[in-house]
Structure formats: C-alpha cells, structure tokens
C-alpha cells in the first residue's frame, strides 16, 4: 500500500500549524535582520531558494523539512536552534513592557538633551501616523535606538527620562 500525502488531521493540526507559523516567523525575522527581500534570497542563492517557496515557509503555508531548515539556517549563517520554537531566539525582544513618553513635558528636559528626543519622536509619529502630540508609546527597540543616540545604556536613559517625568513604564 502506497502512503498517502503527509498532512496532520485532528487536534494536532492546530498545534502543527502554530509550530509551522512560528518557524516561519523566525525565518522571516532572520531574513529581515539580514536586510534581504525574498527576491534577494533567491538571487543570492543562485535560484536554489525560490522566493515563493521561502515566502510559503515564512507564512507557515508550507512545512519545511528538517534538512531544508538546516540548509536555510546555513544559508543565513545562524544556528538551526534559532529557527526552532520552544526557546527564545537570541536577540528576540523580551516580554513587552508599555513604555510611554510624555511629549507634552519635553520642555522639562535640558535643551541640549531635548533635540535628539524631539527628532526621534517626530520620526516615529510620522512613521505611525500618530500625531496626538501628548504621549507616545515606544517599543523596547525604540528605547535601544534612543540610548544609542544619547551614548548611554537603556537603563541609564530610562532613569534620565523618568527623572524628568517623561517616561512611565507599565
């Protein structure tokens, strides 16, 4: 008897789909971190990795075999473990905290410290189309970028912003 197509049915199907979606998300995150589009992957691999196939893996629409996943990890230059669910990927964002900047209170900052924050928050508002002007919720990655602008650590910047009454963390 010839085996039928490989697919999952029943209660396990949802878990398998979630697993494929998480593997796909990790694949997409690594590709984006490498600054590559799906077409870039196809071109850089000499056509070995078709854009449509990698896109289907990333969306979780197509299951990737362990061998192909290992080959993709090698292509991206990352350990296979970084692509597998069940552990936090290196560099993955820690659990989200709600970081809220009080934009109305920017005048409480020393003028020489205010300019980088004003430029940064304006750019975020423009990108998000968020012009309420009173508060701005930022992400952990935003705080890291801001800390780089201020030549400090995220912890030190949090303390400084909090001391000026500009940052609330929830």
Protein backbone atom coordinates (compact mmCIF):
# COMPACT_ATOMS: atom_id res chain seq x y z
CA UNK A 1 0.00 0.00 0.00
CA UNK A 2 1.39 3.37 -1.04
CA UNK A 3 1.44 6.01 1.73
CA UNK A 4 -0.82 9.00 1.22
CA UNK A 5 0.15 12.66 1.38
CA UNK A 6 1.74 13.84 4.60
CA UNK A 7 -0.60 16.13 6.49
CA UNK A 8 -1.86 16.44 10.02
CA UNK A 9 -5.51 15.98 10.99
CA UNK A 10 -7.44 16.19 14.21
CA UNK A 11 -6.42 18.04 17.37
CA UNK A 12 -2.73 18.03 16.46
CA UNK A 13 -3.35 20.02 13.27
CA UNK A 14 -3.74 23.29 15.14
CA UNK A 15 -0.52 22.74 17.06
CA UNK A 16 1.32 21.76 13.87
CA UNK A 17 0.04 24.89 12.14
CA UNK A 18 1.13 27.05 15.08
CA UNK A 19 4.55 25.41 15.03
CA UNK A 20 4.94 25.99 11.27
CA UNK A 21 3.83 29.60 11.72
CA UNK A 22 6.41 30.17 14.48
CA UNK A 23 9.19 28.58 12.43
CA UNK A 24 8.10 30.78 9.54
CA UNK A 25 8.14 33.90 11.72
CA UNK A 26 11.66 33.08 12.88
CA UNK A 27 12.77 32.55 9.27
CA UNK A 28 11.26 35.89 8.27
CA UNK A 29 12.86 37.69 11.23
CA UNK A 30 16.32 36.34 10.34
CA UNK A 31 15.87 37.26 6.65
CA UNK A 32 14.76 40.79 7.55
CA UNK A 33 17.67 41.16 10.02
CA UNK A 34 19.96 40.25 7.13
CA UNK A 35 18.36 43.08 5.13
CA UNK A 36 17.14 40.73 2.42
CA UNK A 37 13.92 40.60 0.47
CA UNK A 38 12.57 37.26 -0.74
CA UNK A 39 13.90 38.14 -4.19
CA UNK A 40 17.32 38.87 -2.66
CA UNK A 41 17.34 35.38 -1.14
CA UNK A 42 16.55 33.83 -4.50
CA UNK A 43 19.25 35.86 -6.23
CA UNK A 44 21.92 35.36 -3.53
CA UNK A 45 21.28 31.60 -3.52
CA UNK A 46 21.62 31.36 -7.28
CA UNK A 47 17.99 30.25 -7.51
CA UNK A 48 18.41 27.43 -5.00
CA UNK A 49 15.88 29.13 -2.71
CA UNK A 50 12.86 30.28 -4.70
CA UNK A 51 11.21 33.42 -3.34
CA UNK A 52 7.76 31.80 -3.47
CA UNK A 53 8.91 28.74 -1.51
CA UNK A 54 10.72 30.72 1.20
CA UNK A 55 7.68 33.03 1.43
CA UNK A 56 5.41 30.00 1.90
CA UNK A 57 7.72 28.71 4.66
CA UNK A 58 7.63 32.13 6.34
CA UNK A 59 3.83 32.33 6.23
CA UNK A 60 3.56 28.78 7.59
CA UNK A 61 1.68 27.78 4.43
CA UNK A 62 4.26 25.14 3.61
CA UNK A 63 6.07 22.83 6.03
CA UNK A 64 9.84 22.88 5.86
CA UNK A 65 11.73 19.62 6.36
CA UNK A 66 14.46 19.43 8.96
CA UNK A 67 17.07 19.04 6.20
CA UNK A 68 15.83 22.11 4.33
CA UNK A 69 15.61 24.09 7.57
CA UNK A 70 19.25 23.20 8.30
CA UNK A 71 20.21 24.31 4.79
CA UNK A 72 18.35 27.62 5.23
CA UNK A 73 19.99 28.18 8.61
CA UNK A 74 23.37 27.57 6.97
CA UNK A 75 22.48 29.98 4.13
CA UNK A 76 21.54 32.69 6.66
CA UNK A 77 24.56 31.88 8.85
CA UNK A 78 22.58 31.13 12.02
CA UNK A 79 22.31 28.02 14.21
CA UNK A 80 19.31 25.82 13.40
CA UNK A 81 18.18 26.19 17.02
CA UNK A 82 17.48 29.89 16.36
CA UNK A 83 14.74 28.84 13.94
CA UNK A 84 13.04 26.31 16.21
CA UNK A 85 10.17 27.19 18.54
CA UNK A 86 10.37 26.34 22.21
CA UNK A 87 13.16 28.70 23.15
CA UNK A 88 13.62 32.40 22.81
CA UNK A 89 15.75 33.31 19.82
CA UNK A 90 18.92 35.26 20.60
CA UNK A 91 18.21 38.93 20.17
CA UNK A 92 14.46 38.36 20.42
CA UNK A 93 12.61 41.05 22.27
CA UNK A 94 11.99 40.33 25.93
CA UNK A 95 8.39 40.37 27.16
CA UNK A 96 6.83 43.66 26.14
CA UNK A 97 6.62 46.49 28.60
CA UNK A 98 4.50 49.51 27.92
CA UNK A 99 6.86 52.49 27.62
CA UNK A 100 5.01 55.80 27.38
CA UNK A 101 6.73 59.11 26.71
CA UNK A 102 5.05 62.31 27.87
CA UNK A 103 5.61 64.50 24.80
CA UNK A 104 3.83 67.45 26.36
CA UNK A 105 6.53 67.54 29.05
CA UNK A 106 9.55 67.72 26.73
CA UNK A 107 10.20 71.30 27.83
CA UNK A 108 11.20 69.90 31.24
CA UNK A 109 14.30 68.41 29.61
CA UNK A 110 17.53 70.39 29.35
CA UNK A 111 17.54 71.97 25.89
CA UNK A 112 20.81 70.31 24.86
CA UNK A 113 19.28 66.90 25.67
CA UNK A 114 15.89 67.59 24.08
CA UNK A 115 16.80 67.83 20.38
CA UNK A 116 17.61 64.14 19.73
CA UNK A 117 14.43 63.03 21.52
CA UNK A 118 12.28 65.53 19.62
CA UNK A 119 13.70 64.40 16.26
CA UNK A 120 13.32 60.74 17.17
CA UNK A 121 9.73 61.03 18.43
CA UNK A 122 8.78 63.13 15.38
CA UNK A 123 10.11 60.40 13.11
CA UNK A 124 8.13 57.72 14.99
CA UNK A 125 4.96 59.83 14.86
CA UNK A 126 5.41 60.37 11.13
CA UNK A 127 6.02 56.67 10.53
CA UNK A 128 2.96 55.64 12.55
CA UNK A 129 0.70 58.49 11.53
CA UNK A 130 0.28 59.24 15.26
CA UNK A 131 0.05 62.97 15.80
CA UNK A 132 -1.81 63.32 19.11
CA UNK A 133 1.26 65.14 20.44
CA UNK A 134 0.63 64.39 24.11
CA UNK A 135 2.04 60.89 24.64
CA UNK A 136 3.84 58.32 22.53
CA UNK A 137 4.11 54.61 23.26
CA UNK A 138 7.53 53.33 22.27
CA UNK A 139 8.93 49.84 21.95
CA UNK A 140 11.97 48.34 23.66
CA UNK A 141 13.79 48.58 20.31
CA UNK A 142 12.93 52.29 20.16
CA UNK A 143 14.45 52.76 23.61
CA UNK A 144 17.62 50.95 22.49
CA UNK A 145 17.92 53.22 19.46
CA UNK A 146 17.37 56.28 21.63
CA UNK A 147 20.05 55.10 24.06
CA UNK A 148 22.48 54.89 21.16
CA UNK A 149 21.65 58.48 20.21
CA UNK A 150 22.40 59.54 23.79
CA UNK A 151 25.56 57.38 24.00
CA UNK A 152 24.24 55.53 27.03
CA UNK A 153 22.53 52.31 28.08
CA UNK A 154 18.79 51.73 28.01
CA UNK A 155 18.72 51.51 31.81
CA UNK A 156 20.53 54.84 32.19
CA UNK A 157 18.28 56.51 29.60
CA UNK A 158 15.18 55.15 31.35
CA UNK A 159 16.41 56.65 34.61
CA UNK A 160 17.10 60.01 32.98
CA UNK A 161 13.73 60.15 31.22
CA UNK A 162 11.96 59.08 34.41
CA UNK A 163 13.80 61.73 36.46
CA UNK A 164 12.45 64.39 34.08
CA UNK A 165 8.95 62.91 34.45
CA UNK A 166 8.81 61.91 30.78
CA UNK A 167 8.65 58.12 30.94
CA UNK A 168 6.14 55.80 32.50
CA UNK A 169 6.59 52.04 32.34
CA UNK A 170 3.71 49.65 32.60
